N, C-alpha and C. Protein backbone atom coordinates (compact mmCIF):
# COMPACT_ATOMS: atom_id res chain seq x y z
N UNK A 1 -47.16 -21.40 -35.28
CA UNK A 1 -48.30 -22.27 -35.05
C UNK A 1 -49.44 -21.44 -34.48
N UNK A 2 -50.64 -21.70 -34.93
CA UNK A 2 -51.78 -20.94 -34.43
C UNK A 2 -52.02 -21.23 -32.96
N UNK A 3 -52.85 -20.43 -32.33
CA UNK A 3 -53.12 -20.57 -30.90
C UNK A 3 -53.94 -21.81 -30.60
N UNK A 4 -53.29 -22.92 -30.42
CA UNK A 4 -53.96 -24.16 -30.02
C UNK A 4 -54.02 -24.21 -28.51
N UNK A 5 -55.03 -24.84 -28.01
CA UNK A 5 -55.06 -25.15 -26.60
C UNK A 5 -54.24 -26.41 -26.40
N UNK A 6 -53.65 -26.52 -25.24
CA UNK A 6 -52.81 -27.68 -24.93
C UNK A 6 -53.58 -28.98 -25.13
N UNK A 7 -54.79 -29.04 -24.60
CA UNK A 7 -55.58 -30.27 -24.67
C UNK A 7 -55.89 -30.65 -26.12
N UNK A 8 -56.22 -29.67 -26.94
CA UNK A 8 -56.49 -29.93 -28.35
C UNK A 8 -55.24 -30.47 -29.05
N UNK A 9 -54.11 -29.88 -28.74
CA UNK A 9 -52.85 -30.31 -29.34
C UNK A 9 -52.51 -31.74 -28.90
N UNK A 10 -52.75 -32.06 -27.64
CA UNK A 10 -52.48 -33.41 -27.16
C UNK A 10 -53.37 -34.44 -27.84
N UNK A 11 -54.65 -34.11 -28.00
CA UNK A 11 -55.57 -35.03 -28.68
C UNK A 11 -55.12 -35.27 -30.12
N UNK A 12 -54.73 -34.19 -30.79
CA UNK A 12 -54.28 -34.33 -32.18
C UNK A 12 -52.99 -35.15 -32.25
N UNK A 13 -52.10 -34.92 -31.30
CA UNK A 13 -50.85 -35.68 -31.26
C UNK A 13 -51.12 -37.16 -31.01
N UNK A 14 -52.04 -37.47 -30.12
CA UNK A 14 -52.41 -38.87 -29.87
C UNK A 14 -52.98 -39.52 -31.13
N UNK A 15 -53.79 -38.77 -31.87
CA UNK A 15 -54.36 -39.29 -33.12
C UNK A 15 -53.25 -39.56 -34.14
N UNK A 16 -52.30 -38.66 -34.22
CA UNK A 16 -51.17 -38.83 -35.15
C UNK A 16 -50.38 -40.09 -34.79
N UNK A 17 -50.12 -40.28 -33.51
CA UNK A 17 -49.37 -41.47 -33.07
C UNK A 17 -50.12 -42.74 -33.46
N UNK A 18 -51.43 -42.77 -33.23
CA UNK A 18 -52.23 -43.95 -33.60
C UNK A 18 -52.15 -44.22 -35.10
N UNK A 19 -52.26 -43.15 -35.90
CA UNK A 19 -52.21 -43.31 -37.35
C UNK A 19 -50.85 -43.83 -37.80
N UNK A 20 -49.79 -43.29 -37.21
CA UNK A 20 -48.45 -43.74 -37.59
C UNK A 20 -48.21 -45.18 -37.15
N UNK A 21 -48.69 -45.54 -35.95
CA UNK A 21 -48.49 -46.90 -35.45
C UNK A 21 -49.27 -47.94 -36.24
N UNK A 22 -50.34 -47.51 -36.91
CA UNK A 22 -51.14 -48.46 -37.69
C UNK A 22 -50.35 -49.04 -38.85
N UNK A 23 -49.41 -48.26 -39.38
CA UNK A 23 -48.59 -48.73 -40.49
C UNK A 23 -49.32 -48.77 -41.82
N UNK A 24 -50.51 -48.19 -41.88
CA UNK A 24 -51.32 -48.24 -43.10
C UNK A 24 -51.15 -47.03 -44.01
N UNK A 25 -50.33 -46.08 -43.63
CA UNK A 25 -50.20 -44.84 -44.40
C UNK A 25 -49.07 -44.94 -45.42
N UNK A 26 -49.26 -44.30 -46.57
CA UNK A 26 -48.15 -44.20 -47.53
C UNK A 26 -47.01 -43.37 -46.93
N UNK A 27 -45.82 -43.57 -47.44
CA UNK A 27 -44.63 -42.91 -46.91
C UNK A 27 -44.78 -41.39 -46.85
N UNK A 28 -45.21 -40.78 -47.94
CA UNK A 28 -45.32 -39.31 -47.99
C UNK A 28 -46.29 -38.78 -46.94
N UNK A 29 -47.42 -39.45 -46.79
CA UNK A 29 -48.40 -39.02 -45.78
C UNK A 29 -47.85 -39.23 -44.37
N UNK A 30 -47.13 -40.33 -44.18
CA UNK A 30 -46.50 -40.59 -42.88
C UNK A 30 -45.53 -39.49 -42.52
N UNK A 31 -44.70 -39.09 -43.49
CA UNK A 31 -43.74 -38.02 -43.24
C UNK A 31 -44.43 -36.70 -42.92
N UNK A 32 -45.50 -36.43 -43.65
CA UNK A 32 -46.24 -35.18 -43.45
C UNK A 32 -46.84 -35.12 -42.04
N UNK A 33 -47.50 -36.19 -41.62
CA UNK A 33 -48.11 -36.14 -40.29
C UNK A 33 -47.06 -36.29 -39.19
N UNK A 34 -45.93 -36.94 -39.49
CA UNK A 34 -44.84 -37.01 -38.52
C UNK A 34 -44.31 -35.60 -38.23
N UNK A 35 -44.13 -34.81 -39.28
CA UNK A 35 -43.67 -33.43 -39.11
C UNK A 35 -44.65 -32.63 -38.27
N UNK A 36 -45.94 -32.82 -38.53
CA UNK A 36 -46.95 -32.13 -37.74
C UNK A 36 -46.89 -32.59 -36.28
N UNK A 37 -46.66 -33.88 -36.08
CA UNK A 37 -46.54 -34.43 -34.73
C UNK A 37 -45.37 -33.83 -33.98
N UNK A 38 -44.25 -33.66 -34.66
CA UNK A 38 -43.08 -33.05 -34.03
C UNK A 38 -43.40 -31.61 -33.60
N UNK A 39 -44.08 -30.86 -34.47
CA UNK A 39 -44.45 -29.48 -34.14
C UNK A 39 -45.41 -29.46 -32.95
N UNK A 40 -46.38 -30.36 -32.93
CA UNK A 40 -47.32 -30.42 -31.81
C UNK A 40 -46.61 -30.83 -30.52
N UNK A 41 -45.67 -31.75 -30.63
CA UNK A 41 -44.90 -32.18 -29.46
C UNK A 41 -44.12 -31.01 -28.87
N UNK A 42 -43.50 -30.22 -29.72
CA UNK A 42 -42.75 -29.04 -29.25
C UNK A 42 -43.69 -28.03 -28.60
N UNK A 43 -44.85 -27.82 -29.22
CA UNK A 43 -45.85 -26.90 -28.67
C UNK A 43 -46.27 -27.35 -27.27
N UNK A 44 -46.58 -28.64 -27.13
CA UNK A 44 -47.01 -29.17 -25.84
C UNK A 44 -45.89 -29.07 -24.81
N UNK A 45 -44.68 -29.38 -25.21
CA UNK A 45 -43.53 -29.27 -24.31
C UNK A 45 -43.38 -27.84 -23.80
N UNK A 46 -43.48 -26.88 -24.71
CA UNK A 46 -43.36 -25.47 -24.31
C UNK A 46 -44.48 -25.06 -23.36
N UNK A 47 -45.71 -25.52 -23.63
CA UNK A 47 -46.83 -25.21 -22.75
C UNK A 47 -46.62 -25.81 -21.36
N UNK A 48 -46.10 -27.03 -21.31
CA UNK A 48 -45.83 -27.66 -20.02
C UNK A 48 -44.72 -26.93 -19.27
N UNK A 49 -43.71 -26.49 -19.99
CA UNK A 49 -42.64 -25.71 -19.36
C UNK A 49 -43.19 -24.41 -18.78
N UNK A 50 -44.05 -23.72 -19.54
CA UNK A 50 -44.68 -22.50 -19.05
C UNK A 50 -45.49 -22.77 -17.79
N UNK A 51 -46.25 -23.85 -17.81
CA UNK A 51 -47.08 -24.20 -16.66
C UNK A 51 -46.22 -24.51 -15.44
N UNK A 52 -45.12 -25.21 -15.66
CA UNK A 52 -44.22 -25.54 -14.56
C UNK A 52 -43.67 -24.27 -13.91
N UNK A 53 -43.32 -23.30 -14.73
CA UNK A 53 -42.81 -22.04 -14.20
C UNK A 53 -43.88 -21.29 -13.41
N UNK A 54 -45.12 -21.34 -13.90
CA UNK A 54 -46.21 -20.63 -13.23
C UNK A 54 -46.61 -21.28 -11.92
N UNK A 55 -46.36 -22.60 -11.81
CA UNK A 55 -46.76 -23.33 -10.62
C UNK A 55 -45.74 -23.16 -9.48
N UNK A 56 -44.57 -22.62 -9.82
CA UNK A 56 -43.56 -22.44 -8.78
C UNK A 56 -44.13 -21.57 -7.66
N UNK A 57 -43.74 -21.87 -6.45
CA UNK A 57 -44.31 -21.24 -5.26
C UNK A 57 -43.31 -20.27 -4.65
N UNK A 58 -43.84 -19.12 -4.23
CA UNK A 58 -43.01 -18.17 -3.50
C UNK A 58 -43.08 -18.50 -2.01
N UNK A 59 -41.93 -18.64 -1.40
CA UNK A 59 -41.91 -18.88 0.04
C UNK A 59 -40.96 -17.89 0.71
N UNK A 60 -41.23 -17.64 1.96
CA UNK A 60 -40.38 -16.73 2.72
C UNK A 60 -39.06 -17.41 3.03
N UNK A 61 -38.00 -16.65 2.90
CA UNK A 61 -36.68 -17.19 3.22
C UNK A 61 -35.88 -16.09 3.91
N UNK A 62 -35.88 -16.10 5.21
CA UNK A 62 -35.14 -15.15 6.03
C UNK A 62 -35.37 -13.71 5.60
N UNK A 63 -36.61 -13.29 5.61
CA UNK A 63 -36.95 -11.91 5.30
C UNK A 63 -37.06 -11.61 3.82
N UNK A 64 -36.65 -12.49 2.98
CA UNK A 64 -36.76 -12.28 1.53
C UNK A 64 -37.70 -13.32 0.94
N UNK A 65 -37.81 -13.31 -0.35
CA UNK A 65 -38.64 -14.29 -1.03
C UNK A 65 -37.75 -15.16 -1.92
N UNK A 66 -38.07 -16.41 -1.95
CA UNK A 66 -37.31 -17.34 -2.78
C UNK A 66 -38.31 -18.19 -3.53
N UNK A 67 -38.02 -18.47 -4.79
CA UNK A 67 -38.90 -19.32 -5.60
C UNK A 67 -38.52 -20.77 -5.35
N UNK A 68 -39.55 -21.57 -5.13
CA UNK A 68 -39.33 -23.00 -4.94
C UNK A 68 -40.31 -23.75 -5.82
N UNK A 69 -39.86 -24.75 -6.57
CA UNK A 69 -40.78 -25.46 -7.46
C UNK A 69 -41.86 -26.18 -6.67
N UNK A 70 -43.02 -26.28 -7.26
CA UNK A 70 -44.15 -26.99 -6.68
C UNK A 70 -43.84 -28.47 -6.65
N UNK A 71 -44.02 -29.12 -5.51
CA UNK A 71 -43.73 -30.54 -5.36
C UNK A 71 -45.02 -31.33 -5.48
N UNK A 72 -45.30 -31.82 -6.69
CA UNK A 72 -46.54 -32.55 -6.96
C UNK A 72 -46.64 -33.82 -6.14
N UNK A 73 -45.55 -34.56 -6.02
CA UNK A 73 -45.57 -35.84 -5.31
C UNK A 73 -45.93 -35.66 -3.84
N UNK A 74 -45.53 -34.57 -3.23
CA UNK A 74 -45.83 -34.33 -1.83
C UNK A 74 -47.31 -34.07 -1.61
N UNK A 75 -48.02 -33.63 -2.62
CA UNK A 75 -49.44 -33.31 -2.47
C UNK A 75 -50.36 -34.41 -2.98
N UNK A 76 -49.83 -35.43 -3.62
CA UNK A 76 -50.67 -36.49 -4.18
C UNK A 76 -51.52 -37.17 -3.12
N UNK A 77 -50.98 -37.47 -1.97
CA UNK A 77 -51.72 -38.15 -0.92
C UNK A 77 -52.67 -37.26 -0.17
N UNK A 78 -52.59 -35.95 -0.40
CA UNK A 78 -53.44 -34.99 0.31
C UNK A 78 -54.79 -34.81 -0.34
N UNK A 79 -55.10 -35.56 -1.37
CA UNK A 79 -56.36 -35.42 -2.11
C UNK A 79 -57.53 -35.87 -1.25
N UNK A 80 -58.49 -34.98 -1.03
CA UNK A 80 -59.63 -35.30 -0.15
C UNK A 80 -60.91 -35.38 -0.93
N UNK A 81 -60.95 -36.24 -1.96
CA UNK A 81 -62.16 -36.41 -2.79
C UNK A 81 -63.11 -37.39 -2.18
């Protein structure tokens, strides 16, 4: 798959879902865009997995370093907008 940005892939995937849900497409076209949707879904999943790994935080643990996943829920209430 070419170098898509995550956001572009998500927009395209949302468009595909809308088109499939409309029920107005011929079978062959539905299958074609469904296949593209599956590929985009995998691409987005992989990008999210990569992001999750990058967001992991290094913390000190008894003189060494230990990786700990970023806790999004713990920071949700800390938003000072």
